PDB file of all heavy atoms in Angstrom:
ATOM      1  N   LEU A   1      13.499  22.088  15.880  1.00  0.00           N
ATOM      2  CA  LEU A   1      12.254  21.792  15.067  1.00  0.00           C
ATOM      3  C   LEU A   1      12.560  20.986  13.846  1.00  0.00           C
ATOM      4  O   LEU A   1      11.813  20.084  13.458  1.00  0.00           O
ATOM      5  CB  LEU A   1      11.594  23.153  14.743  1.00  0.00           C
ATOM      6  CG  LEU A   1      10.852  23.838  15.865  1.00  0.00           C
ATOM      7  CD1 LEU A   1      10.313  25.192  15.349  1.00  0.00           C
ATOM      8  CD2 LEU A   1       9.693  23.020  16.401  1.00  0.00           C
ATOM      9  N   THR A   2      13.702  21.327  13.196  1.00  0.00           N
ATOM     10  CA  THR A   2      14.070  20.584  11.984  1.00  0.00           C
ATOM     11  C   THR A   2      14.293  19.113  12.303  1.00  0.00           C
ATOM     12  O   THR A   2      13.778  18.234  11.610  1.00  0.00           O
ATOM     13  CB  THR A   2      15.327  21.224  11.348  1.00  0.00           C
ATOM     14  OG1 THR A   2      15.007  22.549  11.016  1.00  0.00           O
ATOM     15  CG2 THR A   2      15.761  20.426  10.115  1.00  0.00           C
ATOM     16  N   TYR A   3      15.135  18.867  13.338  1.00  0.00           N
ATOM     17  CA  TYR A   3      15.438  17.447  13.659  1.00  0.00           C
ATOM     18  C   TYR A   3      14.195  16.686  14.209  1.00  0.00           C
ATOM     19  O   TYR A   3      13.960  15.576  13.839  1.00  0.00           O
ATOM     20  CB  TYR A   3      16.528  17.424  14.677  1.00  0.00           C
ATOM     21  CG  TYR A   3      17.905  17.632  14.031  1.00  0.00           C
ATOM     22  CD1 TYR A   3      18.541  18.850  14.083  1.00  0.00           C
ATOM     23  CD2 TYR A   3      18.543  16.525  13.348  1.00  0.00           C
ATOM     24  CE1 TYR A   3      19.792  19.046  13.499  1.00  0.00           C
ATOM     25  CE2 TYR A   3      19.829  16.740  12.764  1.00  0.00           C
ATOM     26  CZ  TYR A   3      20.432  18.011  12.839  1.00  0.00           C
ATOM     27  OH  TYR A   3      21.614  18.201  12.229  1.00  0.00           O
ATOM     28  N   LEU A   4      13.470  17.392  15.113  1.00  0.00           N
ATOM     29  CA  LEU A   4      12.276  16.711  15.662  1.00  0.00           C
ATOM     30  C   LEU A   4      11.182  16.480  14.574  1.00  0.00           C
ATOM     31  O   LEU A   4      10.461  15.441  14.585  1.00  0.00           O
ATOM     32  CB  LEU A   4      11.681  17.505  16.800  1.00  0.00           C
ATOM     33  CG  LEU A   4      12.461  17.498  18.123  1.00  0.00           C
ATOM     34  CD1 LEU A   4      11.725  18.357  19.158  1.00  0.00           C
ATOM     35  CD2 LEU A   4      12.599  16.070  18.629  1.00  0.00           C
ATOM     36  N   GLY A   5      11.083  17.489  13.646  1.00  0.00           N
ATOM     37  CA  GLY A   5      10.170  17.301  12.543  1.00  0.00           C
ATOM     38  C   GLY A   5      10.504  16.130  11.664  1.00  0.00           C
ATOM     39  O   GLY A   5       9.643  15.288  11.265  1.00  0.00           O
ATOM     40  N   THR A   6      11.840  16.060  11.361  1.00  0.00           N
ATOM     41  CA  THR A   6      12.298  14.892  10.571  1.00  0.00           C
ATOM     42  C   THR A   6      12.039  13.596  11.283  1.00  0.00           C
ATOM     43  O   THR A   6      11.589  12.581  10.709  1.00  0.00           O
ATOM     44  CB  THR A   6      13.768  15.056  10.260  1.00  0.00           C
ATOM     45  OG1 THR A   6      14.025  16.305   9.579  1.00  0.00           O
ATOM     46  CG2 THR A   6      14.275  13.882   9.365  1.00  0.00           C
ATOM     47  N   ALA A   7      12.342  13.580  12.582  1.00  0.00           N
ATOM     48  CA  ALA A   7      12.112  12.392  13.426  1.00  0.00           C
ATOM     49  C   ALA A   7      10.662  12.039  13.448  1.00  0.00           C
ATOM     50  O   ALA A   7      10.266  10.864  13.378  1.00  0.00           O
ATOM     51  CB  ALA A   7      12.655  12.581  14.839  1.00  0.00           C
ATOM     52  N   ALA A   8       9.747  13.074  13.521  1.00  0.00           N
ATOM     53  CA  ALA A   8       8.342  12.805  13.544  1.00  0.00           C
ATOM     54  C   ALA A   8       7.869  12.139  12.242  1.00  0.00           C
ATOM     55  O   ALA A   8       7.057  11.190  12.253  1.00  0.00           O
ATOM     56  CB  ALA A   8       7.558  14.093  13.749  1.00  0.00           C
ATOM     57  N   VAL A   9       8.330  12.634  11.095  1.00  0.00           N
ATOM     58  CA  VAL A   9       7.929  12.106   9.780  1.00  0.00           C
ATOM     59  C   VAL A   9       8.476  10.556   9.715  1.00  0.00           C
ATOM     60  O   VAL A   9       7.726   9.704   9.305  1.00  0.00           O
ATOM     61  CB  VAL A   9       8.521  12.882   8.664  1.00  0.00           C
ATOM     62  CG1 VAL A   9       8.362  12.179   7.314  1.00  0.00           C
ATOM     63  CG2 VAL A   9       7.904  14.250   8.640  1.00  0.00           C
ATOM     64  N   VAL A  10       9.706  10.371  10.100  1.00  0.00           N
ATOM     65  CA  VAL A  10      10.246   9.034  10.078  1.00  0.00           C
ATOM     66  C   VAL A  10       9.468   8.080  11.013  1.00  0.00           C
ATOM     67  O   VAL A  10       9.073   6.970  10.607  1.00  0.00           O
ATOM     68  CB  VAL A  10      11.722   9.045  10.420  1.00  0.00           C
ATOM     69  CG1 VAL A  10      12.259   7.612  10.581  1.00  0.00           C
ATOM     70  CG2 VAL A  10      12.527   9.814   9.390  1.00  0.00           C
ATOM     71  N   LEU A  11       9.227   8.574  12.235  1.00  0.00           N
ATOM     72  CA  LEU A  11       8.557   7.701  13.188  1.00  0.00           C
ATOM     73  C   LEU A  11       7.113   7.427  12.753  1.00  0.00           C
ATOM     74  O   LEU A  11       6.521   6.364  12.983  1.00  0.00           O
ATOM     75  CB  LEU A  11       8.563   8.356  14.579  1.00  0.00           C
ATOM     76  CG  LEU A  11       9.922   8.371  15.285  1.00  0.00           C
ATOM     77  CD1 LEU A  11       9.863   9.142  16.621  1.00  0.00           C
ATOM     78  CD2 LEU A  11      10.373   6.926  15.579  1.00  0.00           C
ATOM     79  N   PHE A  12       6.464   8.473  12.220  1.00  0.00           N
ATOM     80  CA  PHE A  12       5.059   8.316  11.722  1.00  0.00           C
ATOM     81  C   PHE A  12       5.055   7.283  10.587  1.00  0.00           C
ATOM     82  O   PHE A  12       4.133   6.419  10.542  1.00  0.00           O
ATOM     83  CB  PHE A  12       4.481   9.616  11.247  1.00  0.00           C
ATOM     84  CG  PHE A  12       3.076   9.512  10.758  1.00  0.00           C
ATOM     85  CD1 PHE A  12       2.010   9.603  11.654  1.00  0.00           C
ATOM     86  CD2 PHE A  12       2.802   9.355   9.433  1.00  0.00           C
ATOM     87  CE1 PHE A  12       0.716   9.492  11.190  1.00  0.00           C
ATOM     88  CE2 PHE A  12       1.525   9.302   8.956  1.00  0.00           C
ATOM     89  CZ  PHE A  12       0.507   9.357   9.824  1.00  0.00           C
ATOM     90  N   SER A  13       5.999   7.379   9.690  1.00  0.00           N
ATOM     91  CA  SER A  13       6.026   6.434   8.606  1.00  0.00           C
ATOM     92  C   SER A  13       6.299   4.973   9.076  1.00  0.00           C
ATOM     93  O   SER A  13       5.654   4.059   8.641  1.00  0.00           O
ATOM     94  CB  SER A  13       7.171   6.776   7.576  1.00  0.00           C
ATOM     95  OG  SER A  13       6.949   8.118   7.056  1.00  0.00           O
ATOM     96  N   VAL A  14       7.228   4.839  10.027  1.00  0.00           N
ATOM     97  CA  VAL A  14       7.489   3.542  10.631  1.00  0.00           C
ATOM     98  C   VAL A  14       6.266   3.033  11.341  1.00  0.00           C
ATOM     99  O   VAL A  14       5.917   1.796  11.239  1.00  0.00           O
ATOM    100  CB  VAL A  14       8.719   3.633  11.547  1.00  0.00           C
ATOM    101  CG1 VAL A  14       8.896   2.287  12.326  1.00  0.00           C
ATOM    102  CG2 VAL A  14       9.983   3.952  10.747  1.00  0.00           C
ATOM    103  N   GLN A  15       5.610   3.924  12.054  1.00  0.00           N
ATOM    104  CA  GLN A  15       4.375   3.549  12.825  1.00  0.00           C
ATOM    105  C   GLN A  15       3.296   3.096  11.881  1.00  0.00           C
ATOM    106  O   GLN A  15       2.620   2.088  12.122  1.00  0.00           O
ATOM    107  CB  GLN A  15       3.999   4.748  13.606  1.00  0.00           C
ATOM    108  CG  GLN A  15       2.646   4.640  14.276  1.00  0.00           C
ATOM    109  CD  GLN A  15       2.280   5.980  14.950  1.00  0.00           C
ATOM    110  OE1 GLN A  15       2.783   6.260  16.054  1.00  0.00           O
ATOM    111  NE2 GLN A  15       1.452   6.766  14.356  1.00  0.00           N
ATOM    112  N   PHE A  16       3.138   3.832  10.764  1.00  0.00           N
ATOM    113  CA  PHE A  16       2.105   3.442   9.809  1.00  0.00           C
ATOM    114  C   PHE A  16       2.425   2.095   9.205  1.00  0.00           C
ATOM    115  O   PHE A  16       1.527   1.269   9.053  1.00  0.00           O
ATOM    116  CB  PHE A  16       2.060   4.506   8.700  1.00  0.00           C
ATOM    117  CG  PHE A  16       1.025   4.257   7.684  1.00  0.00           C
ATOM    118  CD1 PHE A  16      -0.325   4.387   7.965  1.00  0.00           C
ATOM    119  CD2 PHE A  16       1.397   3.834   6.351  1.00  0.00           C
ATOM    120  CE1 PHE A  16      -1.325   4.159   6.988  1.00  0.00           C
ATOM    121  CE2 PHE A  16       0.422   3.625   5.445  1.00  0.00           C
ATOM    122  CZ  PHE A  16      -0.928   3.802   5.746  1.00  0.00           C
ATOM    123  N   LEU A  17       3.683   1.815   8.823  1.00  0.00           N
ATOM    124  CA  LEU A  17       4.021   0.556   8.264  1.00  0.00           C
ATOM    125  C   LEU A  17       3.845  -0.595   9.292  1.00  0.00           C
ATOM    126  O   LEU A  17       3.398  -1.652   8.938  1.00  0.00           O
ATOM    127  CB  LEU A  17       5.449   0.582   7.775  1.00  0.00           C
ATOM    128  CG  LEU A  17       5.765   1.526   6.586  1.00  0.00           C
ATOM    129  CD1 LEU A  17       7.247   1.512   6.256  1.00  0.00           C
ATOM    130  CD2 LEU A  17       4.946   1.068   5.344  1.00  0.00           C
ATOM    131  N   MET A  18       4.174  -0.311  10.539  1.00  0.00           N
ATOM    132  CA  MET A  18       3.943  -1.307  11.572  1.00  0.00           C
ATOM    133  C   MET A  18       2.460  -1.628  11.800  1.00  0.00           C
ATOM    134  O   MET A  18       2.138  -2.775  11.977  1.00  0.00           O
ATOM    135  CB  MET A  18       4.577  -0.793  12.900  1.00  0.00           C
ATOM    136  CG  MET A  18       6.101  -0.756  12.944  1.00  0.00           C
ATOM    137  SD  MET A  18       6.728  -0.054  14.505  1.00  0.00           S
ATOM    138  CE  MET A  18       6.008  -1.180  15.697  1.00  0.00           C
ATOM    139  N   LEU A  19       1.651  -0.628  11.749  1.00  0.00           N
ATOM    140  CA  LEU A  19       0.191  -0.816  11.861  1.00  0.00           C
ATOM    141  C   LEU A  19      -0.313  -1.640  10.695  1.00  0.00           C
ATOM    142  O   LEU A  19      -1.169  -2.544  10.839  1.00  0.00           O
ATOM    143  CB  LEU A  19      -0.580   0.507  11.963  1.00  0.00           C
ATOM    144  CG  LEU A  19      -0.534   1.208  13.334  1.00  0.00           C
ATOM    145  CD1 LEU A  19      -1.216   2.544  13.266  1.00  0.00           C
ATOM    146  CD2 LEU A  19      -1.107   0.346  14.410  1.00  0.00           C
ATOM    147  N   LEU A  20       0.144  -1.306   9.493  1.00  0.00           N
ATOM    148  CA  LEU A  20      -0.315  -2.069   8.335  1.00  0.00           C
ATOM    149  C   LEU A  20       0.122  -3.558   8.446  1.00  0.00           C
ATOM    150  O   LEU A  20      -0.707  -4.454   8.175  1.00  0.00           O
ATOM    151  CB  LEU A  20       0.352  -1.516   7.070  1.00  0.00           C
ATOM    152  CG  LEU A  20      -0.230  -0.145   6.512  1.00  0.00           C
ATOM    153  CD1 LEU A  20       0.471   0.287   5.245  1.00  0.00           C
ATOM    154  CD2 LEU A  20      -1.699  -0.292   6.213  1.00  0.00           C
ATOM    155  N   TRP A  21       1.334  -3.745   8.896  1.00  0.00           N
ATOM    156  CA  TRP A  21       1.771  -5.130   9.052  1.00  0.00           C
ATOM    157  C   TRP A  21       1.084  -5.843  10.156  1.00  0.00           C
ATOM    158  O   TRP A  21       0.718  -7.011  10.015  1.00  0.00           O
ATOM    159  CB  TRP A  21       3.318  -5.115   9.301  1.00  0.00           C
ATOM    160  CG  TRP A  21       3.887  -6.472   9.444  1.00  0.00           C
ATOM    161  CD1 TRP A  21       4.154  -7.388   8.432  1.00  0.00           C
ATOM    162  CD2 TRP A  21       4.259  -7.094  10.658  1.00  0.00           C
ATOM    163  NE1 TRP A  21       4.710  -8.544   8.963  1.00  0.00           N
ATOM    164  CE2 TRP A  21       4.757  -8.393  10.332  1.00  0.00           C
ATOM    165  CE3 TRP A  21       4.241  -6.739  11.975  1.00  0.00           C
ATOM    166  CZ2 TRP A  21       5.204  -9.238  11.326  1.00  0.00           C
ATOM    167  CZ3 TRP A  21       4.710  -7.564  12.902  1.00  0.00           C
ATOM    168  CH2 TRP A  21       5.171  -8.798  12.638  1.00  0.00           C
ATOM    169  N   SER A  22       0.883  -5.135  11.305  1.00  0.00           N
ATOM    170  CA  SER A  22       0.218  -5.758  12.454  1.00  0.00           C
ATOM    171  C   SER A  22      -1.221  -6.109  12.190  1.00  0.00           C
ATOM    172  O   SER A  22      -1.724  -7.145  12.657  1.00  0.00           O
ATOM    173  CB  SER A  22       0.358  -4.873  13.689  1.00  0.00           C
ATOM    174  OG  SER A  22       1.691  -4.593  13.982  1.00  0.00           O
ATOM    175  N   LEU A  23      -1.940  -5.221  11.486  1.00  0.00           N
ATOM    176  CA  LEU A  23      -3.378  -5.447  11.187  1.00  0.00           C
ATOM    177  C   LEU A  23      -3.697  -6.210   9.935  1.00  0.00           C
ATOM    178  O   LEU A  23      -4.775  -6.456   9.585  1.00  0.00           O
ATOM    179  CB  LEU A  23      -4.064  -4.093  11.111  1.00  0.00           C
ATOM    180  CG  LEU A  23      -4.086  -3.250  12.389  1.00  0.00           C
ATOM    181  CD1 LEU A  23      -4.743  -1.938  12.161  1.00  0.00           C
ATOM    182  CD2 LEU A  23      -4.828  -3.995  13.528  1.00  0.00           C
ATOM    183  N   ARG A  24      -2.603  -6.623   9.255  1.00  0.00           N
ATOM    184  CA  ARG A  24      -2.819  -7.398   8.007  1.00  0.00           C
ATOM    185  C   ARG A  24      -3.611  -8.668   8.191  1.00  0.00           C
ATOM    186  O   ARG A  24      -4.473  -8.995   7.416  1.00  0.00           O
ATOM    187  CB  ARG A  24      -1.424  -7.711   7.376  1.00  0.00           C
ATOM    188  CG  ARG A  24      -1.582  -8.392   6.025  1.00  0.00           C
ATOM    189  CD  ARG A  24      -0.156  -8.647   5.477  1.00  0.00           C
ATOM    190  NE  ARG A  24      -0.293  -9.312   4.199  1.00  0.00           N
ATOM    191  CZ  ARG A  24       0.756  -9.679   3.469  1.00  0.00           C
ATOM    192  NH1 ARG A  24       1.988  -9.415   3.868  1.00  0.00           N
ATOM    193  NH2 ARG A  24       0.583 -10.332   2.268  1.00  0.00           N
ATOM    194  N   PRO A  25      -3.356  -9.415   9.292  1.00  0.00           N
ATOM    195  CA  PRO A  25      -4.170 -10.639   9.552  1.00  0.00           C
ATOM    196  C   PRO A  25      -5.669 -10.336   9.680  1.00  0.00           C
ATOM    197  O   PRO A  25      -6.516 -11.078   9.130  1.00  0.00           O
ATOM    198  CB  PRO A  25      -3.606 -11.249  10.777  1.00  0.00           C
ATOM    199  CG  PRO A  25      -2.200 -10.762  10.881  1.00  0.00           C
ATOM    200  CD  PRO A  25      -2.246  -9.354  10.280  1.00  0.00           C
ATOM    201  N   LEU A  26      -5.985  -9.202  10.301  1.00  0.00           N
ATOM    202  CA  LEU A  26      -7.403  -8.845  10.448  1.00  0.00           C
ATOM    203  C   LEU A  26      -8.036  -8.507   9.123  1.00  0.00           C
ATOM    204  O   LEU A  26      -9.133  -8.909   8.784  1.00  0.00           O
ATOM    205  CB  LEU A  26      -7.559  -7.681  11.426  1.00  0.00           C
ATOM    206  CG  LEU A  26      -7.354  -7.996  12.899  1.00  0.00           C
ATOM    207  CD1 LEU A  26      -7.457  -6.690  13.700  1.00  0.00           C
ATOM    208  CD2 LEU A  26      -8.346  -9.031  13.425  1.00  0.00           C
ATOM    209  N   ARG A  27      -7.271  -7.783   8.307  1.00  0.00           N
ATOM    210  CA  ARG A  27      -7.788  -7.494   6.963  1.00  0.00           C
ATOM    211  C   ARG A  27      -7.932  -8.747   6.111  1.00  0.00           C
ATOM    212  O   ARG A  27      -8.891  -8.878   5.312  1.00  0.00           O
ATOM    213  CB  ARG A  27      -6.828  -6.489   6.246  1.00  0.00           C
ATOM    214  CG  ARG A  27      -6.844  -5.074   6.772  1.00  0.00           C
ATOM    215  CD  ARG A  27      -6.181  -4.118   5.864  1.00  0.00           C
ATOM    216  NE  ARG A  27      -4.747  -4.434   5.694  1.00  0.00           N
ATOM    217  CZ  ARG A  27      -3.782  -4.041   6.501  1.00  0.00           C
ATOM    218  NH1 ARG A  27      -4.066  -3.226   7.529  1.00  0.00           N
ATOM    219  NH2 ARG A  27      -2.542  -4.423   6.276  1.00  0.00           N
ATOM    220  N   GLN A  28      -6.978  -9.697   6.335  1.00  0.00           N
ATOM    221  CA  GLN A  28      -7.095 -10.927   5.569  1.00  0.00           C
ATOM    222  C   GLN A  28      -8.330 -11.741   6.000  1.00  0.00           C
ATOM    223  O   GLN A  28      -9.047 -12.345   5.173  1.00  0.00           O
ATOM    224  CB  GLN A  28      -5.867 -11.820   5.859  1.00  0.00           C
ATOM    225  CG  GLN A  28      -5.726 -13.031   4.989  1.00  0.00           C
ATOM    226  CD  GLN A  28      -5.632 -12.655   3.529  1.00  0.00           C
ATOM    227  OE1 GLN A  28      -4.824 -11.789   3.138  1.00  0.00           O
ATOM    228  NE2 GLN A  28      -6.393 -13.342   2.679  1.00  0.00           N
ATOM    229  N   VAL A  29      -8.658 -11.720   7.305  1.00  0.00           N
ATOM    230  CA  VAL A  29      -9.895 -12.373   7.822  1.00  0.00           C
ATOM    231  C   VAL A  29     -11.129 -11.745   7.111  1.00  0.00           C
ATOM    232  O   VAL A  29     -12.023 -12.422   6.680  1.00  0.00           O
ATOM    233  CB  VAL A  29     -10.041 -12.262   9.321  1.00  0.00           C
ATOM    234  CG1 VAL A  29     -11.435 -12.739   9.781  1.00  0.00           C
ATOM    235  CG2 VAL A  29      -8.949 -13.127  10.018  1.00  0.00           C
ATOM    236  N   SER A  30     -11.102 -10.381   7.072  1.00  0.00           N
ATOM    237  CA  SER A  30     -12.288  -9.698   6.447  1.00  0.00           C
ATOM    238  C   SER A  30     -12.352 -10.049   4.970  1.00  0.00           C
ATOM    239  O   SER A  30     -13.472 -10.320   4.461  1.00  0.00           O
ATOM    240  CB  SER A  30     -12.109  -8.194   6.670  1.00  0.00           C
ATOM    241  OG  SER A  30     -13.156  -7.496   6.024  1.00  0.00           O
ATOM    242  N   ASN A  31     -11.245 -10.035   4.266  1.00  0.00           N
ATOM    243  CA  ASN A  31     -11.283 -10.365   2.867  1.00  0.00           C
ATOM    244  C   ASN A  31     -11.669 -11.835   2.602  1.00  0.00           C
ATOM    245  O   ASN A  31     -12.487 -12.142   1.691  1.00  0.00           O
ATOM    246  CB  ASN A  31      -9.883 -10.132   2.216  1.00  0.00           C
ATOM    247  CG  ASN A  31      -9.529  -8.719   2.235  1.00  0.00           C
ATOM    248  OD1 ASN A  31     -10.409  -7.829   2.242  1.00  0.00           O
ATOM    249  ND2 ASN A  31      -8.290  -8.379   2.188  1.00  0.00           N
ATOM    250  N   ASP A  32     -11.182 -12.738   3.407  1.00  0.00           N
ATOM    251  CA  ASP A  32     -11.608 -14.146   3.246  1.00  0.00           C
ATOM    252  C   ASP A  32     -13.032 -14.379   3.583  1.00  0.00           C
ATOM    253  O   ASP A  32     -13.750 -15.132   2.929  1.00  0.00           O
ATOM    254  CB  ASP A  32     -10.754 -14.998   4.197  1.00  0.00           C
ATOM    255  CG  ASP A  32      -9.321 -15.161   3.712  1.00  0.00           C
ATOM    256  OD1 ASP A  32      -9.084 -14.863   2.508  1.00  0.00           O
ATOM    257  OD2 ASP A  32      -8.455 -15.545   4.535  1.00  0.00           O
ATOM    258  N   LEU A  33     -13.555 -13.624   4.570  1.00  0.00           N
ATOM    259  CA  LEU A  33     -14.986 -13.763   4.923  1.00  0.00           C
ATOM    260  C   LEU A  33     -15.865 -13.218   3.778  1.00  0.00           C
ATOM    261  O   LEU A  33     -16.934 -13.753   3.480  1.00  0.00           O
ATOM    262  CB  LEU A  33     -15.320 -12.967   6.183  1.00  0.00           C
ATOM    263  CG  LEU A  33     -16.621 -13.213   6.876  1.00  0.00           C
ATOM    264  CD1 LEU A  33     -16.864 -14.673   7.149  1.00  0.00           C
ATOM    265  CD2 LEU A  33     -16.783 -12.351   8.108  1.00  0.00           C
ATOM    266  N   GLU A  34     -15.448 -12.153   3.124  1.00  0.00           N
ATOM    267  CA  GLU A  34     -16.165 -11.647   1.967  1.00  0.00           C
ATOM    268  C   GLU A  34     -16.198 -12.653   0.818  1.00  0.00           C
ATOM    269  O   GLU A  34     -17.202 -12.839   0.165  1.00  0.00           O
ATOM    270  CB  GLU A  34     -15.548 -10.315   1.434  1.00  0.00           C
ATOM    271  CG  GLU A  34     -15.815  -9.137   2.388  1.00  0.00           C
ATOM    272  CD  GLU A  34     -15.300  -7.828   1.848  1.00  0.00           C
ATOM    273  OE1 GLU A  34     -14.898  -7.863   0.679  1.00  0.00           O
ATOM    274  OE2 GLU A  34     -15.205  -6.850   2.588  1.00  0.00           O
ATOM    275  N   ARG A  35     -15.065 -13.349   0.635  1.00  0.00           N
ATOM    276  CA  ARG A  35     -15.018 -14.404  -0.372  1.00  0.00           C
ATOM    277  C   ARG A  35     -15.940 -15.527  -0.070  1.00  0.00           C
ATOM    278  O   ARG A  35     -16.578 -16.128  -0.938  1.00  0.00           O
ATOM    279  CB  ARG A  35     -13.558 -14.904  -0.569  1.00  0.00           C
ATOM    280  CG  ARG A  35     -12.742 -13.954  -1.423  1.00  0.00           C
ATOM    281  CD  ARG A  35     -11.415 -14.639  -1.832  1.00  0.00           C
ATOM    282  NE  ARG A  35     -10.473 -14.679  -0.728  1.00  0.00           N
ATOM    283  CZ  ARG A  35      -9.640 -13.720  -0.416  1.00  0.00           C
ATOM    284  NH1 ARG A  35      -9.581 -12.616  -1.223  1.00  0.00           N
ATOM    285  NH2 ARG A  35      -8.805 -13.795   0.560  1.00  0.00           N
ATOM    286  N   VAL A  36     -16.033 -15.892   1.233  1.00  0.00           N
ATOM    287  CA  VAL A  36     -16.992 -16.887   1.665  1.00  0.00           C
ATOM    288  C   VAL A  36     -18.438 -16.415   1.359  1.00  0.00           C
ATOM    289  O   VAL A  36     -19.228 -17.259   0.839  1.00  0.00           O
ATOM    290  CB  VAL A  36     -16.854 -17.263   3.151  1.00  0.00           C
ATOM    291  CG1 VAL A  36     -17.960 -18.172   3.628  1.00  0.00           C
ATOM    292  CG2 VAL A  36     -15.468 -17.889   3.381  1.00  0.00           C
ATOM    293  N   GLU A  37     -18.716 -15.213   1.702  1.00  0.00           N
ATOM    294  CA  GLU A  37     -20.074 -14.699   1.411  1.00  0.00           C
ATOM    295  C   GLU A  37     -20.399 -14.620  -0.082  1.00  0.00           C
ATOM    296  O   GLU A  37     -21.533 -14.812  -0.497  1.00  0.00           O
ATOM    297  CB  GLU A  37     -20.234 -13.296   1.984  1.00  0.00           C
ATOM    298  CG  GLU A  37     -20.149 -13.278   3.522  1.00  0.00           C
ATOM    299  CD  GLU A  37     -20.269 -11.886   4.099  1.00  0.00           C
ATOM    300  OE1 GLU A  37     -20.545 -10.946   3.327  1.00  0.00           O
ATOM    301  OE2 GLU A  37     -20.140 -11.753   5.317  1.00  0.00           O
ATOM    302  N   ARG A  38     -19.359 -14.394  -0.904  1.00  0.00           N
ATOM    303  CA  ARG A  38     -19.605 -14.376  -2.372  1.00  0.00           C
ATOM    304  C   ARG A  38     -19.607 -15.746  -2.931  1.00  0.00           C
ATOM    305  O   ARG A  38     -19.846 -15.964  -4.134  1.00  0.00           O
ATOM    306  CB  ARG A  38     -18.517 -13.551  -3.025  1.00  0.00           C
ATOM    307  CG  ARG A  38     -18.601 -12.041  -2.715  1.00  0.00           C
ATOM    308  CD  ARG A  38     -17.728 -11.290  -3.705  1.00  0.00           C
ATOM    309  NE  ARG A  38     -16.326 -11.609  -3.628  1.00  0.00           N
ATOM    310  CZ  ARG A  38     -15.481 -10.960  -2.857  1.00  0.00           C
ATOM    311  NH1 ARG A  38     -15.822  -9.967  -2.117  1.00  0.00           N
ATOM    312  NH2 ARG A  38     -14.147 -11.354  -2.863  1.00  0.00           N
ATOM    313  N   GLY A  39     -19.302 -16.753  -2.100  1.00  0.00           N
ATOM    314  CA  GLY A  39     -19.307 -18.125  -2.588  1.00  0.00           C
ATOM    315  C   GLY A  39     -18.037 -18.554  -3.286  1.00  0.00           C
ATOM    316  O   GLY A  39     -18.032 -19.626  -3.908  1.00  0.00           O
ATOM    317  N   GLU A  40     -16.928 -17.764  -3.145  1.00  0.00           N
ATOM    318  CA  GLU A  40     -15.726 -18.095  -3.845  1.00  0.00           C
ATOM    319  C   GLU A  40     -14.929 -19.141  -3.040  1.00  0.00           C
ATOM    320  O   GLU A  40     -13.979 -19.754  -3.629  1.00  0.00           O
ATOM    321  CB  GLU A  40     -14.946 -16.858  -4.071  1.00  0.00           C
ATOM    322  CG  GLU A  40     -15.607 -15.792  -4.936  1.00  0.00           C
ATOM    323  CD  GLU A  40     -14.832 -14.513  -5.024  1.00  0.00           C
ATOM    324  OE1 GLU A  40     -13.752 -14.450  -4.529  1.00  0.00           O
ATOM    325  OE2 GLU A  40     -15.342 -13.583  -5.696  1.00  0.00           O
ATOM    326  N   GLN A  41     -15.230 -19.343  -1.811  1.00  0.00           N
ATOM    327  CA  GLN A  41     -14.582 -20.404  -1.018  1.00  0.00           C
ATOM    328  C   GLN A  41     -15.547 -20.866   0.043  1.00  0.00           C
ATOM    329  O   GLN A  41     -16.479 -20.143   0.404  1.00  0.00           O
ATOM    330  CB  GLN A  41     -13.236 -19.950  -0.437  1.00  0.00           C
ATOM    331  CG  GLN A  41     -13.359 -18.758   0.535  1.00  0.00           C
ATOM    332  CD  GLN A  41     -11.978 -18.217   0.909  1.00  0.00           C
ATOM    333  OE1 GLN A  41     -11.129 -18.001   0.079  1.00  0.00           O
ATOM    334  NE2 GLN A  41     -11.776 -17.940   2.214  1.00  0.00           N
ATOM    335  N   GLU A  42     -15.332 -22.083   0.507  1.00  0.00           N
ATOM    336  CA  GLU A  42     -16.287 -22.748   1.436  1.00  0.00           C
ATOM    337  C   GLU A  42     -16.158 -22.205   2.852  1.00  0.00           C
ATOM    338  O   GLU A  42     -17.180 -22.067   3.555  1.00  0.00           O
ATOM    339  CB  GLU A  42     -16.084 -24.243   1.426  1.00  0.00           C
ATOM    340  CG  GLU A  42     -16.541 -24.936   0.119  1.00  0.00           C
ATOM    341  CD  GLU A  42     -18.062 -24.793  -0.070  1.00  0.00           C
ATOM    342  OE1 GLU A  42     -18.764 -24.899   0.920  1.00  0.00           O
ATOM    343  OE2 GLU A  42     -18.467 -24.518  -1.224  1.00  0.00           O
ATOM    344  N   SER A  43     -14.915 -21.962   3.303  1.00  0.00           N
ATOM    345  CA  SER A  43     -14.733 -21.557   4.729  1.00  0.00           C
ATOM    346  C   SER A  43     -13.448 -20.723   4.811  1.00  0.00           C
ATOM    347  O   SER A  43     -12.737 -20.537   3.812  1.00  0.00           O
ATOM    348  CB  SER A  43     -14.624 -22.769   5.626  1.00  0.00           C
ATOM    349  OG  SER A  43     -13.547 -23.602   5.210  1.00  0.00           O
ATOM    350  N   LEU A  44     -13.143 -20.241   6.030  1.00  0.00           N
ATOM    351  CA  LEU A  44     -11.929 -19.507   6.286  1.00  0.00           C
ATOM    352  C   LEU A  44     -10.768 -20.418   6.370  1.00  0.00           C
ATOM    353  O   LEU A  44     -10.826 -21.457   7.054  1.00  0.00           O
ATOM    354  CB  LEU A  44     -12.047 -18.663   7.584  1.00  0.00           C
ATOM    355  CG  LEU A  44     -13.179 -17.614   7.583  1.00  0.00           C
ATOM    356  CD1 LEU A  44     -13.154 -16.955   8.957  1.00  0.00           C
ATOM    357  CD2 LEU A  44     -12.951 -16.553   6.536  1.00  0.00           C
ATOM    358  N   PRO A  45      -9.644 -20.146   5.669  1.00  0.00           N
ATOM    359  CA  PRO A  45      -8.489 -20.979   5.777  1.00  0.00           C
ATOM    360  C   PRO A  45      -7.827 -20.926   7.156  1.00  0.00           C
ATOM    361  O   PRO A  45      -7.996 -19.987   7.863  1.00  0.00           O
ATOM    362  CB  PRO A  45      -7.579 -20.490   4.640  1.00  0.00           C
ATOM    363  CG  PRO A  45      -7.946 -19.051   4.475  1.00  0.00           C
ATOM    364  CD  PRO A  45      -9.458 -18.998   4.796  1.00  0.00           C
ATOM    365  N   ASP A  46      -6.986 -21.952   7.453  1.00  0.00           N
ATOM    366  CA  ASP A  46      -6.267 -21.976   8.702  1.00  0.00           C
ATOM    367  C   ASP A  46      -4.864 -21.465   8.546  1.00  0.00           C
ATOM    368  O   ASP A  46      -3.908 -22.223   8.625  1.00  0.00           O
ATOM    369  CB  ASP A  46      -6.278 -23.398   9.284  1.00  0.00           C
ATOM    370  CG  ASP A  46      -5.805 -23.447  10.692  1.00  0.00           C
ATOM    371  OD1 ASP A  46      -5.759 -22.379  11.344  1.00  0.00           O
ATOM    372  OD2 ASP A  46      -5.405 -24.564  11.139  1.00  0.00           O
TER     373      ASP A  46
END
């Protein structure tokens, strides 16, 4: 339990960081779209 619990915490942390990194482009699209709606930029960058 000690080793598997430690492995679970480590794997969960790595998994969370991987999800943050993998979904970062989607969050960037959402943020850029909000800036377009607020009139801070004309369109989504490429």
